[in-house]
Protein backbone atom coordinates (compact mmCIF):
# COMPACT_ATOMS: atom_id res chain seq x y z
CA MET A 1 -15.08 -20.25 24.02
CA ALA A 2 -11.55 -20.37 25.27
CA ILE A 3 -9.91 -17.79 27.49
CA LEU A 4 -6.22 -16.75 27.28
CA ARG A 5 -5.01 -14.89 30.17
CA GLY A 6 -1.74 -13.91 31.83
CA THR A 7 0.56 -11.22 32.63
CA THR A 8 2.84 -8.87 30.63
CA ILE A 9 6.34 -8.48 32.15
CA GLY A 10 9.33 -6.21 31.13
CA ARG A 11 12.97 -6.40 32.00
CA GLU A 12 12.54 -5.71 35.66
CA ARG A 13 8.85 -5.15 36.38
CA ILE A 14 5.29 -5.59 35.24
CA LEU A 15 4.64 -3.88 32.08
CA PRO A 16 1.34 -2.51 31.33
CA GLY A 17 -0.13 -1.42 27.96
CA VAL A 18 1.18 -4.34 25.95
CA CYS A 19 -0.85 -5.20 22.89
CA VAL A 20 -1.64 -8.92 22.84
CA GLU A 21 -2.97 -10.18 19.45
CA ILE A 22 -4.03 -13.50 18.11
CA LYS A 23 -3.06 -13.79 14.35
CA ASN A 24 -3.84 -16.17 11.49
CA GLU A 25 -1.28 -17.65 8.90
CA GLN A 26 -1.25 -14.39 7.02
CA PHE A 27 -0.31 -12.44 10.26
CA GLU A 28 -3.61 -10.70 10.05
CA THR A 29 -5.04 -9.79 13.57
CA LEU A 30 -8.16 -11.74 14.64
CA PHE A 31 -8.53 -10.92 18.21
CA GLU A 32 -6.63 -8.30 20.39
CA THR A 33 -6.53 -6.77 23.89
CA VAL A 34 -4.05 -4.61 25.86
CA SER A 35 -2.79 -5.45 29.39
CA ASP A 36 -3.91 -3.34 32.14
CA GLU A 37 -2.07 -1.19 34.74
CA ALA A 38 -1.25 -4.45 36.68
CA GLY A 39 0.01 -6.12 33.42
CA HIS A 40 -2.87 -8.45 33.35
CA PHE A 41 -4.58 -9.48 30.11
CA SER A 42 -7.50 -11.69 29.23
CA LEU A 43 -8.91 -12.54 25.80
CA SER A 44 -11.99 -14.81 24.95
CA VAL A 45 -11.61 -16.61 21.57
CA PRO A 46 -13.46 -19.44 19.95
CA ASP A 47 -11.89 -22.77 20.64
CA GLY A 48 -9.15 -23.74 18.23
CA VAL A 49 -5.46 -23.56 17.48
CA TYR A 50 -4.21 -20.42 16.53
CA PRO A 51 -1.01 -20.00 14.33
CA PHE A 52 0.46 -16.95 16.25
CA LEU A 53 0.07 -14.80 19.43
CA THR A 54 2.11 -11.65 19.53
CA ALA A 55 2.79 -9.25 22.28
CA VAL A 56 4.37 -5.78 21.78
CA ARG A 57 4.60 -2.32 23.25
CA GLU A 58 6.58 0.56 21.66
CA TYR A 59 7.86 -1.79 18.77
CA GLY A 60 11.21 -0.74 17.54
CA ASP A 61 11.68 2.15 20.06
CA ARG A 62 12.08 0.31 23.46
CA TYR A 63 10.95 -3.23 22.83
CA LEU A 64 10.72 -5.92 20.13
CA GLU A 65 7.92 -8.66 20.06
CA TYR A 66 6.98 -11.92 21.95
CA TRP A 67 5.80 -14.73 19.70
CA ALA A 68 3.84 -17.81 20.51
CA GLN A 69 3.02 -20.34 17.86
CA ASP A 70 0.29 -23.03 17.48
CA VAL A 71 -1.55 -21.54 20.46
CA PRO A 72 -3.96 -24.19 21.71
CA ALA A 73 -7.15 -22.36 22.78
CA ARG A 74 -9.41 -24.71 24.73
CA GLY A 75 -10.63 -24.09 28.16
CA GLU A 76 -8.19 -21.59 29.92
CA LEU A 77 -4.60 -21.10 28.93
CA THR A 78 -2.16 -18.83 30.92
CA LEU A 79 0.83 -17.20 29.42
CA ASP A 80 3.29 -15.02 31.25
CA ILE A 81 4.68 -12.99 28.57
CA ARG A 82 7.89 -11.31 28.80
CA ILE A 83 9.27 -8.74 26.38
CA ASP A 84 12.40 -6.56 26.12
CA ALA A 85 14.79 -5.49 23.41
CA VAL A 86 15.44 -8.87 21.78
CA GLU A 87 13.08 -10.96 19.82
CA VAL A 88 13.12 -14.61 19.23
CA TYR A 89 11.48 -15.19 15.74
CA GLY A 90 10.69 -18.40 13.73
CA LEU A 91 10.94 -20.78 16.62
CA HIS A 92 10.54 -24.30 15.59
CA ALA A 93 11.31 -27.59 17.52
CA PHE A 94 11.47 -31.16 16.25
CA HIS A 95 12.94 -34.48 17.03
CA VAL A 96 15.41 -36.06 14.36
CA LYS A 97 14.16 -39.66 13.95
CA GLY A 98 16.85 -42.22 14.66
CA ALA A 99 18.98 -39.81 16.47
CA ALA A 100 19.71 -39.08 20.13
CA ASN A 101 16.74 -38.44 22.50
CA ALA A 102 17.18 -34.62 22.05
CA LEU A 103 14.97 -31.85 20.75
CA THR A 104 16.37 -29.83 17.94
CA VAL A 105 15.34 -26.09 18.09
CA TYR A 106 15.64 -23.44 15.39
CA PHE A 107 15.04 -19.63 15.85
CA ARG A 108 16.16 -16.33 14.52
CA PRO A 109 16.96 -13.88 17.24
CA MET A 110 16.91 -9.93 16.56
CA SER A 111 18.41 -7.40 18.60
CA LEU A 112 16.79 -3.77 18.84
CA ARG A 113 20.30 -2.27 19.32
CA LYS A 114 21.40 -3.61 15.85
CA PHE A 115 17.89 -2.66 14.41
CA LYS A 116 18.27 0.83 15.46
CA ALA A 117 21.79 0.83 13.93
CA ARG A 118 20.38 -0.25 10.73
CA ALA A 119 22.67 -3.21 10.67
CA HIS A 120 21.80 -5.70 7.87
CA ASP A 121 22.01 -8.80 10.13
CA ILE A 122 20.28 -7.88 13.45
CA ALA A 123 21.04 -11.13 15.17
CA PRO A 124 22.94 -10.91 18.43
CA GLU A 125 25.92 -13.12 18.88
CA LEU A 126 25.04 -15.94 21.23
CA ASP A 127 26.68 -18.90 23.06
CA LYS A 128 25.02 -21.59 24.98
CA ARG A 129 25.07 -19.58 28.26
CA ASP A 130 22.80 -16.94 26.43
CA VAL A 131 20.10 -19.32 25.73
CA THR A 132 17.57 -20.96 27.99
CA VAL A 133 15.22 -23.83 26.75
CA LEU A 134 12.22 -24.95 28.85
CA VAL A 135 10.59 -28.25 27.62
CA ASP A 136 7.18 -28.66 29.25
CA GLY A 137 8.27 -26.18 32.11
CA GLN A 138 11.51 -28.18 32.88
CA GLN A 139 14.96 -26.52 31.94
CA SER A 140 16.87 -28.36 29.38
CA GLU A 141 20.59 -28.90 28.97
CA ILE A 142 21.92 -27.40 25.67
CA TYR A 143 24.11 -29.97 24.00
CA THR A 144 25.00 -27.81 20.95
CA LEU A 145 24.41 -24.29 19.58
CA ASN A 146 25.16 -23.61 16.05
CA ARG A 147 25.01 -20.42 14.02
CA VAL A 148 23.33 -20.94 10.59
CA GLN A 149 22.42 -18.58 7.66
CA GLU A 150 18.67 -18.18 6.86
CA TYR A 151 17.78 -17.03 3.33
CA ALA A 152 15.11 -14.34 3.97
CA GLY A 153 14.12 -13.53 0.38
CA GLU A 154 15.74 -11.61 -2.40
CA ASP A 155 15.36 -8.14 -0.80
CA THR A 156 16.89 -9.30 2.48
CA GLY A 157 19.37 -11.93 1.53
CA LEU A 158 21.06 -14.09 4.32
CA LEU A 159 20.34 -13.50 7.97
CA THR A 160 21.69 -15.26 11.15
CA ALA A 161 19.67 -17.93 12.91
CA TYR A 162 20.59 -20.54 15.37
CA LEU A 163 20.06 -24.30 15.51
CA LEU A 164 20.51 -26.02 18.88
CA GLN A 165 19.92 -29.44 20.38
CA ALA A 166 18.67 -29.83 23.99
CA SER A 167 17.81 -32.41 26.56
CA VAL A 168 14.13 -33.39 26.97
CA PRO A 169 12.51 -34.70 30.08
CA GLN A 170 10.81 -37.50 28.20
CA ASP A 171 10.59 -38.75 24.66
CA ALA A 172 11.77 -36.04 22.53
CA ASP A 173 8.68 -36.24 20.27
CA LYS A 174 6.01 -35.97 23.10
CA TRP A 175 6.71 -32.47 24.37
CA LYS A 176 3.62 -30.10 24.61
CA GLN A 177 5.45 -26.67 25.01
CA VAL A 178 8.84 -25.30 24.37
CA ASP A 179 10.04 -21.86 25.85
CA VAL A 180 13.18 -20.22 24.56
CA THR A 181 14.72 -17.21 26.20
CA VAL A 182 17.73 -15.38 24.68
CA ARG A 183 19.89 -12.85 26.38
CA ASP A 184 22.19 -10.46 24.46
CA SER A 185 25.54 -9.02 25.61
CA ASP A 186 23.87 -6.08 26.99
CA GLY A 187 21.64 -8.32 29.19
CA ARG A 188 18.45 -7.57 27.15
CA PHE A 189 16.30 -10.45 26.61
CA GLY A 190 13.66 -11.98 24.24
CA CYS A 191 11.27 -14.99 24.59
CA ALA A 192 9.12 -17.06 22.27
CA THR A 193 6.85 -20.17 23.03
CA LEU A 194 6.09 -22.92 20.69
CA PHE A 195 3.09 -25.51 21.33
CA GLN A 196 2.64 -28.93 19.90
């Protein structure tokens, strides 16, 4: 059995009562727990790699979700989960073979303010100063940040996503963990983690 543990944190403080769930490819909940009054959570799961871990409290009211993808559950894994009114969804990272030694990162951010206003496209406007990328715990320099359109299905149409290139502390294809934090113009943030 593996143990996933950590702390749930809001904008300025520890955040208790956050539901932490391990999900499969169909987004069905396999295992779940809730962080305690000190924001601590612990979840025992069978060894494996899990497609998704989400964390949320008062979704769509005060907060949006934290996402982690391809979560390696072997031994112990500690995650400090931070949630606020922005969400970083669909995080992917890859190295373009034959290109510069950089990591290309794709994500679709969502703003709770725009969600509540029932805007069709709920992505915040971002520039390089609004995004932080950590590769294996080291802050990366963001070389480029490009706004792109993502096709989200016939019912939804096009939504805004971002594609960036960032420095890597070693060979671009050898990273283990990428953490992305996004801040909107109101200072609200969202975080996501991708494991390889």
